[in-house]
C-alpha cells in the first residue's frame, strides 16, 4: 500500500470545506442513513480534532471528525467520521474501523464512561466507478460469516475465579498455572498444597516448576515462603534438589531481613529515647526533629505520654 506523502488537492479541499459545521450538517442530513440520522442532534454538532490517529495511520488519514449528542437527551454521544478517498482501497473498511476505534479510545481517555457510537462514512470521488470494494470490514476476512460469529458476540472468557479447583486439576499442563493464578492472593497457599501437587504432576520439567515457584515468591502473600517451598520439595521428589536450594536461599534472606529490621528498630528506639530527653529539656520541636530525624507524627506520639 503506497502512503500519501502529502495531502492531495482533492483531500485538502474536502477537509477544508467539510470542517465548516454548516457544510457538515448538510452533508449528514443528505448522506447519513435515516435510522442513524434519527439518532443525531445536529444542533450540538462540534468539530473534533483528528490528532488521535496513531502515527502509522496518519499518512493515510484525511478525515473530518464531528461529535454530537443524541436526540434522546441523555449523555450519549455520536461521532461521525468522514473520510475522503479518490482511489479505491480494498481494505478501506478495516482502516475506517481502526479510525473509529481510535476515536472511541480518545473519548474514553477524556473521562467518558461509555463508548461513543462512531459512524464512519466514506466519501469516494475517484476515476473508477462505481466504488469496487465492500465497506463492511468483515468482508476483508477469508470467511466473513465466521468472522461475524466471532466479532459480533461476546469474546471467549476464561474466568478462573469461578472454575472449581477439582476441575482445574484436570487441565493437564495448564493446571498448576491456573490454580496458582486463582489462589495467589490468599494468605496461606499451604491450604491448597494437595491440589498444587496433583496439578504439578503433569509438569515433568524443572524449568516450568521453578518459574511457577518464583511466581509464588514474587506475587504471593504466603507468610513463610521458605517453609512452603520446603514442603513442596518433600512432596515432589522429582524437583527436590532445585526446590530445596530455593528454600535455603529464602531462609537465609529471611534471617538477613530479620537482622536488618532488628537493627532499624533498635536505631528507631534510640532516636525516641533521645527525643524524650530533649523534650524534658524543653528544646524547640524543630531542633528535636532535626537532631533525631523523627517525623512530626512520631514526635507527637511521645509528646502525649
C-alpha atoms as a PDB file:
ATOM      1  CA  UNK A   1       0.000   0.000   0.000  1.00  0.00           C
ATOM      2  CA  UNK A   2       1.511   3.304  -1.058  1.00  0.00           C
ATOM      3  CA  UNK A   3       1.422   6.061   1.536  1.00  0.00           C
ATOM      4  CA  UNK A   4       0.290   9.581   0.782  1.00  0.00           C
ATOM      5  CA  UNK A   5       3.375  11.748   1.309  1.00  0.00           C
ATOM      6  CA  UNK A   6       1.290  14.938   1.181  1.00  0.00           C
ATOM      7  CA  UNK A   7      -2.464  15.524   1.042  1.00  0.00           C
ATOM      8  CA  UNK A   8      -3.831  15.604  -2.487  1.00  0.00           C
ATOM      9  CA  UNK A   9      -5.748  18.681  -3.671  1.00  0.00           C
ATOM     10  CA  UNK A  10      -8.899  16.520  -3.515  1.00  0.00           C
ATOM     11  CA  UNK A  11      -8.301  15.729   0.151  1.00  0.00           C
ATOM     12  CA  UNK A  12      -7.348  19.280   1.042  1.00  0.00           C
ATOM     13  CA  UNK A  13     -10.415  20.977  -0.395  1.00  0.00           C
ATOM     14  CA  UNK A  14     -12.697  18.308   1.056  1.00  0.00           C
ATOM     15  CA  UNK A  15     -11.294  18.680   4.555  1.00  0.00           C
ATOM     16  CA  UNK A  16     -11.293  22.475   4.413  1.00  0.00           C
ATOM     17  CA  UNK A  17     -14.939  22.718   3.379  1.00  0.00           C
ATOM     18  CA  UNK A  18     -16.268  19.841   5.495  1.00  0.00           C
ATOM     19  CA  UNK A  19     -14.603  21.401   8.530  1.00  0.00           C
ATOM     20  CA  UNK A  20     -17.290  24.078   8.369  1.00  0.00           C
ATOM     21  CA  UNK A  21     -20.203  22.981  10.631  1.00  0.00           C
ATOM     22  CA  UNK A  22     -22.897  24.229   8.240  1.00  0.00           C
ATOM     23  CA  UNK A  23     -21.401  22.249   5.386  1.00  0.00           C
ATOM     24  CA  UNK A  24     -21.045  19.169   7.587  1.00  0.00           C
ATOM     25  CA  UNK A  25     -24.645  19.496   8.785  1.00  0.00           C
ATOM     26  CA  UNK A  26     -25.893  19.471   5.182  1.00  0.00           C
ATOM     27  CA  UNK A  27     -23.641  16.504   4.402  1.00  0.00           C
ATOM     28  CA  UNK A  28     -25.069  14.461   7.253  1.00  0.00           C
ATOM     29  CA  UNK A  29     -28.670  15.350   6.514  1.00  0.00           C
ATOM     30  CA  UNK A  30     -28.190  14.258   2.903  1.00  0.00           C
ATOM     31  CA  UNK A  31     -25.954  11.217   3.248  1.00  0.00           C
ATOM     32  CA  UNK A  32     -26.497   9.569   6.624  1.00  0.00           C
ATOM     33  CA  UNK A  33     -28.933   6.620   6.563  1.00  0.00           C
ATOM     34  CA  UNK A  34     -32.272   7.706   8.082  1.00  0.00           C
ATOM     35  CA  UNK A  35     -32.057   5.389  11.105  1.00  0.00           C
ATOM     36  CA  UNK A  36     -28.632   6.850  12.006  1.00  0.00           C
ATOM     37  CA  UNK A  37     -29.595  10.426  11.236  1.00  0.00           C
ATOM     38  CA  UNK A  38     -32.531   9.986  13.622  1.00  0.00           C
ATOM     39  CA  UNK A  39     -30.054   9.476  16.478  1.00  0.00           C
ATOM     40  CA  UNK A  40     -28.218  12.726  15.878  1.00  0.00           C
ATOM     41  CA  UNK A  41     -28.970  16.099  17.397  1.00  0.00           C
ATOM     42  CA  UNK A  42     -27.349  18.201  14.666  1.00  0.00           C
ATOM     43  CA  UNK A  43     -27.734  21.379  16.742  1.00  0.00           C
ATOM     44  CA  UNK A  44     -24.938  20.060  19.003  1.00  0.00           C
ATOM     45  CA  UNK A  45     -22.542  19.437  16.102  1.00  0.00           C
ATOM     46  CA  UNK A  46     -18.935  20.142  17.101  1.00  0.00           C
ATOM     47  CA  UNK A  47     -15.757  19.663  15.076  1.00  0.00           C
ATOM     48  CA  UNK A  48     -13.231  17.372  16.763  1.00  0.00           C
ATOM     49  CA  UNK A  49      -9.519  17.146  16.060  1.00  0.00           C
ATOM     50  CA  UNK A  50      -8.118  14.269  14.047  1.00  0.00           C
ATOM     51  CA  UNK A  51      -4.899  14.169  16.079  1.00  0.00           C
ATOM     52  CA  UNK A  52      -5.969  10.980  17.844  1.00  0.00           C
ATOM     53  CA  UNK A  53      -4.847   8.797  14.938  1.00  0.00           C
ATOM     54  CA  UNK A  54      -1.784   6.601  15.531  1.00  0.00           C
ATOM     55  CA  UNK A  55       1.440   7.521  13.753  1.00  0.00           C
ATOM     56  CA  UNK A  56       1.334   4.506  11.442  1.00  0.00           C
ATOM     57  CA  UNK A  57      -2.127   5.544  10.187  1.00  0.00           C
ATOM     58  CA  UNK A  58      -1.648   9.296   9.969  1.00  0.00           C
ATOM     59  CA  UNK A  59      -0.154   9.290   6.437  1.00  0.00           C
ATOM     60  CA  UNK A  60      -3.382   7.696   5.190  1.00  0.00           C
ATOM     61  CA  UNK A  61      -5.744   9.873   7.178  1.00  0.00           C
ATOM     62  CA  UNK A  62      -7.665  12.778   5.595  1.00  0.00           C
ATOM     63  CA  UNK A  63     -10.684  12.781   7.841  1.00  0.00           C
ATOM     64  CA  UNK A  64     -13.166  15.155   9.352  1.00  0.00           C
ATOM     65  CA  UNK A  65     -14.484  14.077  12.751  1.00  0.00           C
ATOM     66  CA  UNK A  66     -17.577  15.567  14.343  1.00  0.00           C
ATOM     67  CA  UNK A  67     -19.081  14.932  17.775  1.00  0.00           C
ATOM     68  CA  UNK A  68     -22.720  15.473  18.611  1.00  0.00           C
ATOM     69  CA  UNK A  69     -25.224  14.422  21.228  1.00  0.00           C
ATOM     70  CA  UNK A  70     -28.069  12.005  20.708  1.00  0.00           C
ATOM     71  CA  UNK A  71     -31.661  13.135  20.385  1.00  0.00           C
ATOM     72  CA  UNK A  72     -32.619  11.166  23.493  1.00  0.00           C
ATOM     73  CA  UNK A  73     -31.365  13.988  25.684  1.00  0.00           C
ATOM     74  CA  UNK A  74     -29.107  11.756  27.777  1.00  0.00           C
ATOM     75  CA  UNK A  75     -25.328  11.904  27.966  1.00  0.00           C
ATOM     76  CA  UNK A  76     -24.904   9.691  24.918  1.00  0.00           C
ATOM     77  CA  UNK A  77     -22.613  10.821  22.140  1.00  0.00           C
ATOM     78  CA  UNK A  78     -22.446  10.099  18.436  1.00  0.00           C
ATOM     79  CA  UNK A  79     -19.330  10.792  16.416  1.00  0.00           C
ATOM     80  CA  UNK A  80     -19.367  10.976  12.635  1.00  0.00           C
ATOM     81  CA  UNK A  81     -16.080  10.231  10.911  1.00  0.00           C
ATOM     82  CA  UNK A  82     -15.996  11.335   7.263  1.00  0.00           C
ATOM     83  CA  UNK A  83     -13.100  10.014   5.187  1.00  0.00           C
ATOM     84  CA  UNK A  84     -12.363  11.239   1.673  1.00  0.00           C
ATOM     85  CA  UNK A  85     -10.910   8.845  -0.908  1.00  0.00           C
ATOM     86  CA  UNK A  86     -10.048   9.476  -4.552  1.00  0.00           C
ATOM     87  CA  UNK A  87      -8.596   5.978  -5.100  1.00  0.00           C
ATOM     88  CA  UNK A  88     -10.188   2.622  -4.228  1.00  0.00           C
ATOM     89  CA  UNK A  89      -8.695   0.659  -1.326  1.00  0.00           C
ATOM     90  CA  UNK A  90      -9.654  -2.989  -0.798  1.00  0.00           C
ATOM     91  CA  UNK A  91      -9.087  -2.734   2.980  1.00  0.00           C
ATOM     92  CA  UNK A  92     -10.625   0.727   3.388  1.00  0.00           C
ATOM     93  CA  UNK A  93     -13.357  -0.650   5.638  1.00  0.00           C
ATOM     94  CA  UNK A  94     -10.733  -2.012   8.030  1.00  0.00           C
ATOM     95  CA  UNK A  95      -8.936   1.345   8.032  1.00  0.00           C
ATOM     96  CA  UNK A  96     -12.194   3.101   8.847  1.00  0.00           C
ATOM     97  CA  UNK A  97     -12.717   0.677  11.705  1.00  0.00           C
ATOM     98  CA  UNK A  98      -9.256   1.474  13.073  1.00  0.00           C
ATOM     99  CA  UNK A  99     -10.004   5.203  12.858  1.00  0.00           C
ATOM    100  CA  UNK A 100     -13.305   4.622  14.658  1.00  0.00           C
ATOM    101  CA  UNK A 101     -11.671   2.612  17.451  1.00  0.00           C
ATOM    102  CA  UNK A 102      -9.023   5.342  17.873  1.00  0.00           C
ATOM    103  CA  UNK A 103     -11.815   7.925  18.202  1.00  0.00           C
ATOM    104  CA  UNK A 104     -13.544   5.744  20.808  1.00  0.00           C
ATOM    105  CA  UNK A 105     -10.342   5.457  22.813  1.00  0.00           C
ATOM    106  CA  UNK A 106      -9.836   9.205  22.826  1.00  0.00           C
ATOM    107  CA  UNK A 107     -13.418   9.601  24.030  1.00  0.00           C
ATOM    108  CA  UNK A 108     -12.713   7.269  26.969  1.00  0.00           C
ATOM    109  CA  UNK A 109      -9.391   8.986  27.687  1.00  0.00           C
ATOM    110  CA  UNK A 110     -11.303  12.263  28.015  1.00  0.00           C
ATOM    111  CA  UNK A 111     -13.126  10.801  31.021  1.00  0.00           C
ATOM    112  CA  UNK A 112     -16.334   9.448  29.500  1.00  0.00           C
ATOM    113  CA  UNK A 113     -17.561   6.150  30.929  1.00  0.00           C
ATOM    114  CA  UNK A 114     -19.193   4.631  27.844  1.00  0.00           C
ATOM    115  CA  UNK A 115     -18.101   4.201  24.256  1.00  0.00           C
ATOM    116  CA  UNK A 116     -19.496   6.653  21.722  1.00  0.00           C
ATOM    117  CA  UNK A 117     -21.222   5.420  18.600  1.00  0.00           C
ATOM    118  CA  UNK A 118     -18.766   6.321  15.821  1.00  0.00           C
ATOM    119  CA  UNK A 119     -20.303   6.346  12.337  1.00  0.00           C
ATOM    120  CA  UNK A 120     -17.633   6.003   9.622  1.00  0.00           C
ATOM    121  CA  UNK A 121     -18.656   7.488   6.291  1.00  0.00           C
ATOM    122  CA  UNK A 122     -16.538   7.033   3.165  1.00  0.00           C
ATOM    123  CA  UNK A 123     -16.830   9.845   0.594  1.00  0.00           C
ATOM    124  CA  UNK A 124     -15.447   8.489  -2.681  1.00  0.00           C
ATOM    125  CA  UNK A 125     -14.745  10.613  -5.782  1.00  0.00           C
ATOM    126  CA  UNK A 126     -12.341   8.550  -7.887  1.00  0.00           C
ATOM    127  CA  UNK A 127     -11.931   7.749 -11.560  1.00  0.00           C
ATOM    128  CA  UNK A 128     -13.024   4.134 -11.159  1.00  0.00           C
ATOM    129  CA  UNK A 129     -16.785   3.839 -10.895  1.00  0.00           C
ATOM    130  CA  UNK A 130     -18.612   2.525  -9.038  1.00  0.00           C
ATOM    131  CA  UNK A 131     -16.569   2.025  -5.875  1.00  0.00           C
ATOM    132  CA  UNK A 132     -15.431  -1.610  -6.217  1.00  0.00           C
ATOM    133  CA  UNK A 133     -14.921  -2.780  -2.649  1.00  0.00           C
ATOM    134  CA  UNK A 134     -17.158  -3.603   0.279  1.00  0.00           C
ATOM    135  CA  UNK A 135     -17.448  -1.086   3.123  1.00  0.00           C
ATOM    136  CA  UNK A 136     -18.132  -3.892   5.624  1.00  0.00           C
ATOM    137  CA  UNK A 137     -14.851  -4.674   7.371  1.00  0.00           C
ATOM    138  CA  UNK A 138     -15.875  -8.302   7.954  1.00  0.00           C
ATOM    139  CA  UNK A 139     -15.717  -8.862   4.191  1.00  0.00           C
ATOM    140  CA  UNK A 140     -11.958  -8.428   4.466  1.00  0.00           C
ATOM    141  CA  UNK A 141     -11.742 -11.902   6.063  1.00  0.00           C
ATOM    142  CA  UNK A 142     -11.439 -15.107   4.111  1.00  0.00           C
ATOM    143  CA  UNK A 143     -14.569 -16.333   5.879  1.00  0.00           C
ATOM    144  CA  UNK A 144     -16.777 -13.309   6.642  1.00  0.00           C
ATOM    145  CA  UNK A 145     -19.518 -15.436   8.228  1.00  0.00           C
ATOM    146  CA  UNK A 146     -17.057 -16.983  10.697  1.00  0.00           C
ATOM    147  CA  UNK A 147     -15.614 -13.533  11.472  1.00  0.00           C
ATOM    148  CA  UNK A 148     -19.120 -12.177  12.092  1.00  0.00           C
ATOM    149  CA  UNK A 149     -19.852 -15.018  14.505  1.00  0.00           C
ATOM    150  CA  UNK A 150     -16.704 -14.120  16.465  1.00  0.00           C
ATOM    151  CA  UNK A 151     -16.747 -10.325  16.438  1.00  0.00           C
ATOM    152  CA  UNK A 152     -20.496  -9.921  16.662  1.00  0.00           C
ATOM    153  CA  UNK A 153     -20.717 -11.679  20.029  1.00  0.00           C
ATOM    154  CA  UNK A 154     -19.018 -11.643  23.418  1.00  0.00           C
ATOM    155  CA  UNK A 155     -15.419 -12.815  23.267  1.00  0.00           C
ATOM    156  CA  UNK A 156     -14.421 -16.098  24.943  1.00  0.00           C
ATOM    157  CA  UNK A 157     -13.872 -15.662  28.685  1.00  0.00           C
ATOM    158  CA  UNK A 158     -11.760 -17.863  30.956  1.00  0.00           C
ATOM    159  CA  UNK A 159     -12.735 -16.743  34.472  1.00  0.00           C
ATOM    160  CA  UNK A 160     -10.524 -18.834  36.730  1.00  0.00           C
ATOM    161  CA  UNK A 161     -12.182 -17.361  39.823  1.00  0.00           C
ATOM    162  CA  UNK A 162     -15.307 -19.468  39.248  1.00  0.00           C
ATOM    163  CA  UNK A 163     -13.769 -22.706  37.940  1.00  0.00           C
ATOM    164  CA  UNK A 164     -13.857 -25.404  40.666  1.00  0.00           C
ATOM    165  CA  UNK A 165     -10.426 -26.463  41.880  1.00  0.00           C
ATOM    166  CA  UNK A 166     -11.039 -30.157  41.195  1.00  0.00           C
ATOM    167  CA  UNK A 167     -11.818 -29.237  37.606  1.00  0.00           C
ATOM    168  CA  UNK A 168      -8.693 -27.091  37.279  1.00  0.00           C
ATOM    169  CA  UNK A 169      -6.535 -30.010  38.409  1.00  0.00           C
ATOM    170  CA  UNK A 170      -7.673 -31.866  35.285  1.00  0.00           C
ATOM    171  CA  UNK A 171      -6.393 -29.120  32.960  1.00  0.00           C
ATOM    172  CA  UNK A 172      -3.201 -31.008  32.102  1.00  0.00           C
ATOM    173  CA  UNK A 173      -0.195 -28.704  31.635  1.00  0.00           C
ATOM    174  CA  UNK A 174      -2.304 -25.617  32.374  1.00  0.00           C
ATOM    175  CA  UNK A 175      -3.422 -26.951  35.774  1.00  0.00           C
ATOM    176  CA  UNK A 176      -0.642 -25.620  38.029  1.00  0.00           C
ATOM    177  CA  UNK A 177      -0.559 -22.169  36.434  1.00  0.00           C
ATOM    178  CA  UNK A 178      -4.350 -21.799  36.533  1.00  0.00           C
ATOM    179  CA  UNK A 179      -4.600 -22.990  40.129  1.00  0.00           C
ATOM    180  CA  UNK A 180      -1.872 -20.617  41.277  1.00  0.00           C
ATOM    181  CA  UNK A 181      -3.338 -17.620  39.497  1.00  0.00           C
ATOM    182  CA  UNK A 182      -6.702 -18.356  41.079  1.00  0.00           C
ATOM    183  CA  UNK A 183      -5.301 -18.581  44.635  1.00  0.00           C
ATOM    184  CA  UNK A 184      -2.115 -16.467  44.519  1.00  0.00           C
ATOM    185  CA  UNK A 185      -3.605 -13.710  46.709  1.00  0.00           C
ATOM    186  CA  UNK A 186      -4.719 -15.931  49.565  1.00  0.00           C
ATOM    187  CA  UNK A 187      -2.709 -15.708  52.757  1.00  0.00           C
ATOM    188  CA  UNK A 188      -1.624 -19.333  53.050  1.00  0.00           C
ATOM    189  CA  UNK A 189      -1.084 -21.339  49.878  1.00  0.00           C
ATOM    190  CA  UNK A 190      -0.357 -24.379  52.042  1.00  0.00           C
ATOM    191  CA  UNK A 191      -4.133 -24.802  52.223  1.00  0.00           C
ATOM    192  CA  UNK A 192      -4.124 -25.904  48.587  1.00  0.00           C
ATOM    193  CA  UNK A 193      -0.863 -27.888  48.772  1.00  0.00           C
ATOM    194  CA  UNK A 194      -2.550 -31.201  47.883  1.00  0.00           C
ATOM    195  CA  UNK A 195      -4.196 -29.638  44.848  1.00  0.00           C
ATOM    196  CA  UNK A 196      -0.959 -27.988  43.745  1.00  0.00           C
ATOM    197  CA  UNK A 197       0.991 -31.208  43.972  1.00  0.00           C
ATOM    198  CA  UNK A 198      -1.709 -33.012  41.996  1.00  0.00           C
ATOM    199  CA  UNK A 199      -1.706 -30.242  39.381  1.00  0.00           C
ATOM    200  CA  UNK A 200       2.082 -30.320  39.123  1.00  0.00           C
ATOM    201  CA  UNK A 201       2.147 -33.990  38.223  1.00  0.00           C
ATOM    202  CA  UNK A 202       1.564 -33.037  34.574  1.00  0.00           C
ATOM    203  CA  UNK A 203       4.722 -30.905  34.649  1.00  0.00           C
ATOM    204  CA  UNK A 204       7.764 -33.110  34.082  1.00  0.00           C
ATOM    205  CA  UNK A 205      10.243 -30.239  33.613  1.00  0.00           C
ATOM    206  CA  UNK A 206      12.065 -28.431  36.406  1.00  0.00           C
ATOM    207  CA  UNK A 207      12.166 -25.153  34.437  1.00  0.00           C
ATOM    208  CA  UNK A 208       8.391 -24.717  34.465  1.00  0.00           C
ATOM    209  CA  UNK A 209       8.174 -25.713  38.120  1.00  0.00           C
ATOM    210  CA  UNK A 210      10.871 -23.219  39.117  1.00  0.00           C
ATOM    211  CA  UNK A 211       9.174 -20.500  37.086  1.00  0.00           C
ATOM    212  CA  UNK A 212       5.922 -21.040  38.997  1.00  0.00           C
ATOM    213  CA  UNK A 213       7.707 -21.215  42.366  1.00  0.00           C
ATOM    214  CA  UNK A 214       9.373 -17.889  41.561  1.00  0.00           C
ATOM    215  CA  UNK A 215       5.905 -16.529  40.748  1.00  0.00           C
ATOM    216  CA  UNK A 216       4.711 -17.630  44.198  1.00  0.00           C
ATOM    217  CA  UNK A 217       7.660 -15.862  45.825  1.00  0.00           C
ATOM    218  CA  UNK A 218       7.277 -12.640  43.822  1.00  0.00           C
ATOM    219  CA  UNK A 219       3.487 -12.260  43.730  1.00  0.00           C
ATOM    220  CA  UNK A 220       2.144 -14.433  46.508  1.00  0.00           C
ATOM    221  CA  UNK A 221       1.199 -13.446  50.044  1.00  0.00           C
ATOM    222  CA  UNK A 222       2.262 -16.670  51.778  1.00  0.00           C
ATOM    223  CA  UNK A 223       3.606 -15.765  55.210  1.00  0.00           C
ATOM    224  CA  UNK A 224       6.515 -18.249  55.203  1.00  0.00           C
ATOM    225  CA  UNK A 225       7.634 -18.840  51.633  1.00  0.00           C
ATOM    226  CA  UNK A 226      10.667 -20.860  52.717  1.00  0.00           C
ATOM    227  CA  UNK A 227       8.576 -23.393  54.665  1.00  0.00           C
ATOM    228  CA  UNK A 228       6.105 -23.610  51.794  1.00  0.00           C
ATOM    229  CA  UNK A 229       8.808 -24.366  49.211  1.00  0.00           C
ATOM    230  CA  UNK A 230      10.464 -26.873  51.556  1.00  0.00           C
ATOM    231  CA  UNK A 231       7.226 -28.802  51.957  1.00  0.00           C
ATOM    232  CA  UNK A 232       6.666 -28.634  48.224  1.00  0.00           C
ATOM    233  CA  UNK A 233      10.135 -30.151  47.691  1.00  0.00           C
ATOM    234  CA  UNK A 234       9.298 -33.021  50.031  1.00  0.00           C
ATOM    235  CA  UNK A 235       6.047 -33.699  48.182  1.00  0.00           C
ATOM    236  CA  UNK A 236       7.687 -33.502  44.733  1.00  0.00           C
ATOM    237  CA  UNK A 237      10.876 -35.584  44.879  1.00  0.00           C
ATOM    238  CA  UNK A 238      11.453 -35.194  41.127  1.00  0.00           C
ATOM    239  CA  UNK A 239      12.161 -31.495  41.765  1.00  0.00           C
ATOM    240  CA  UNK A 240      13.583 -31.799  45.276  1.00  0.00           C
ATOM    241  CA  UNK A 241      17.126 -30.529  44.638  1.00  0.00           C
ATOM    242  CA  UNK A 242      16.311 -27.185  42.987  1.00  0.00           C
ATOM    243  CA  UNK A 243      13.368 -26.570  45.326  1.00  0.00           C
ATOM    244  CA  UNK A 244      15.437 -27.186  48.452  1.00  0.00           C
ATOM    245  CA  UNK A 245      18.072 -24.799  47.104  1.00  0.00           C
ATOM    246  CA  UNK A 246      15.411 -22.115  46.743  1.00  0.00           C
ATOM    247  CA  UNK A 247      14.034 -22.848  50.217  1.00  0.00           C
ATOM    248  CA  UNK A 248      17.505 -22.433  51.764  1.00  0.00           C
ATOM    249  CA  UNK A 249      18.045 -19.138  49.928  1.00  0.00           C
ATOM    250  CA  UNK A 250      14.703 -17.875  51.197  1.00  0.00           C
ATOM    251  CA  UNK A 251      15.587 -18.933  54.748  1.00  0.00           C
ATOM    252  CA  UNK A 252      18.901 -17.055  54.617  1.00  0.00           C
ATOM    253  CA  UNK A 253      17.262 -13.995  53.112  1.00  0.00           C
ATOM    254  CA  UNK A 254      14.607 -14.111  55.833  1.00  0.00           C
ATOM    255  CA  UNK A 255      17.258 -14.232  58.550  1.00  0.00           C
ATOM    256  CA  UNK A 256      19.119 -11.317  56.977  1.00  0.00           C
ATOM    257  CA  UNK A 257      15.903  -9.331  56.659  1.00  0.00           C
ATOM    258  CA  UNK A 258      15.108 -10.051  60.311  1.00  0.00           C
ATOM    259  CA  UNK A 259      18.533  -8.819  61.395  1.00  0.00           C
ATOM    260  CA  UNK A 260      18.188  -5.629  59.356  1.00  0.00           C
ATOM    261  CA  UNK A 261      14.714  -4.986  60.715  1.00  0.00           C
ATOM    262  CA  UNK A 262      16.036  -5.543  64.249  1.00  0.00           C
ATOM    263  CA  UNK A 263      18.857  -3.059  63.685  1.00  0.00           C
ATOM    264  CA  UNK A 264      16.465  -0.483  62.287  1.00  0.00           C
ATOM    265  CA  UNK A 265      14.064  -0.971  65.165  1.00  0.00           C
ATOM    266  CA  UNK A 266      16.910  -0.562  67.651  1.00  0.00           C
ATOM    267  CA  UNK A 267      18.003   2.616  65.898  1.00  0.00           C
ATOM    268  CA  UNK A 268      14.451   3.943  65.971  1.00  0.00           C
ATOM    269  CA  UNK A 269      14.100   3.239  69.699  1.00  0.00           C
ATOM    270  CA  UNK A 270      17.356   5.064  70.305  1.00  0.00           C
ATOM    271  CA  UNK A 271      16.047   8.129  68.467  1.00  0.00           C
ATOM    272  CA  UNK A 272      12.884   8.032  70.542  1.00  0.00           C
ATOM    273  CA  UNK A 273      14.887   7.980  73.788  1.00  0.00           C
ATOM    274  CA  UNK A 274      16.973  10.938  72.630  1.00  0.00           C
ATOM    275  CA  UNK A 275      13.807  12.810  71.683  1.00  0.00           C
ATOM    276  CA  UNK A 276      12.261  12.177  75.116  1.00  0.00           C
ATOM    277  CA  UNK A 277      15.370  13.580  76.784  1.00  0.00           C
ATOM    278  CA  UNK A 278      15.337  16.666  74.589  1.00  0.00           C
ATOM    279  CA  UNK A 279      11.639  17.205  75.285  1.00  0.00           C
ATOM    280  CA  UNK A 280      12.352  17.162  79.017  1.00  0.00           C
ATOM    281  CA  UNK A 281      14.950  19.848  78.347  1.00  0.00           C
ATOM    282  CA  UNK A 282      12.142  21.837  76.663  1.00  0.00           C
ATOM    283  CA  UNK A 283      14.069  22.340  73.444  1.00  0.00           C
ATOM    284  CA  UNK A 284      12.136  23.646  70.410  1.00  0.00           C
ATOM    285  CA  UNK A 285      10.332  20.980  68.350  1.00  0.00           C
ATOM    286  CA  UNK A 286      12.206  21.986  65.187  1.00  0.00           C
ATOM    287  CA  UNK A 287      15.512  21.374  66.902  1.00  0.00           C
ATOM    288  CA  UNK A 288      14.423  17.937  68.149  1.00  0.00           C
ATOM    289  CA  UNK A 289      13.158  16.932  64.728  1.00  0.00           C
ATOM    290  CA  UNK A 290      16.423  17.938  63.087  1.00  0.00           C
ATOM    291  CA  UNK A 291      18.526  16.212  65.726  1.00  0.00           C
ATOM    292  CA  UNK A 292      16.668  12.882  65.678  1.00  0.00           C
ATOM    293  CA  UNK A 293      15.240  12.608  62.153  1.00  0.00           C
ATOM    294  CA  UNK A 294      11.837  11.696  63.580  1.00  0.00           C
ATOM    295  CA  UNK A 295       8.630  12.651  61.845  1.00  0.00           C
ATOM    296  CA  UNK A 296       6.097  15.087  63.274  1.00  0.00           C
ATOM    297  CA  UNK A 297       3.726  12.196  63.978  1.00  0.00           C
ATOM    298  CA  UNK A 298       6.391  10.178  65.854  1.00  0.00           C
ATOM    299  CA  UNK A 299       7.285  13.178  67.964  1.00  0.00           C
ATOM    300  CA  UNK A 300       3.603  13.833  68.701  1.00  0.00           C
ATOM    301  CA  UNK A 301       3.194  10.273  69.976  1.00  0.00           C
ATOM    302  CA  UNK A 302       5.940  10.536  72.572  1.00  0.00           C
ATOM    303  CA  UNK A 303       4.908  14.105  73.486  1.00  0.00           C
ATOM    304  CA  UNK A 304       1.481  12.814  74.517  1.00  0.00           C
ATOM    305  CA  UNK A 305       2.914  10.329  77.003  1.00  0.00           C
END
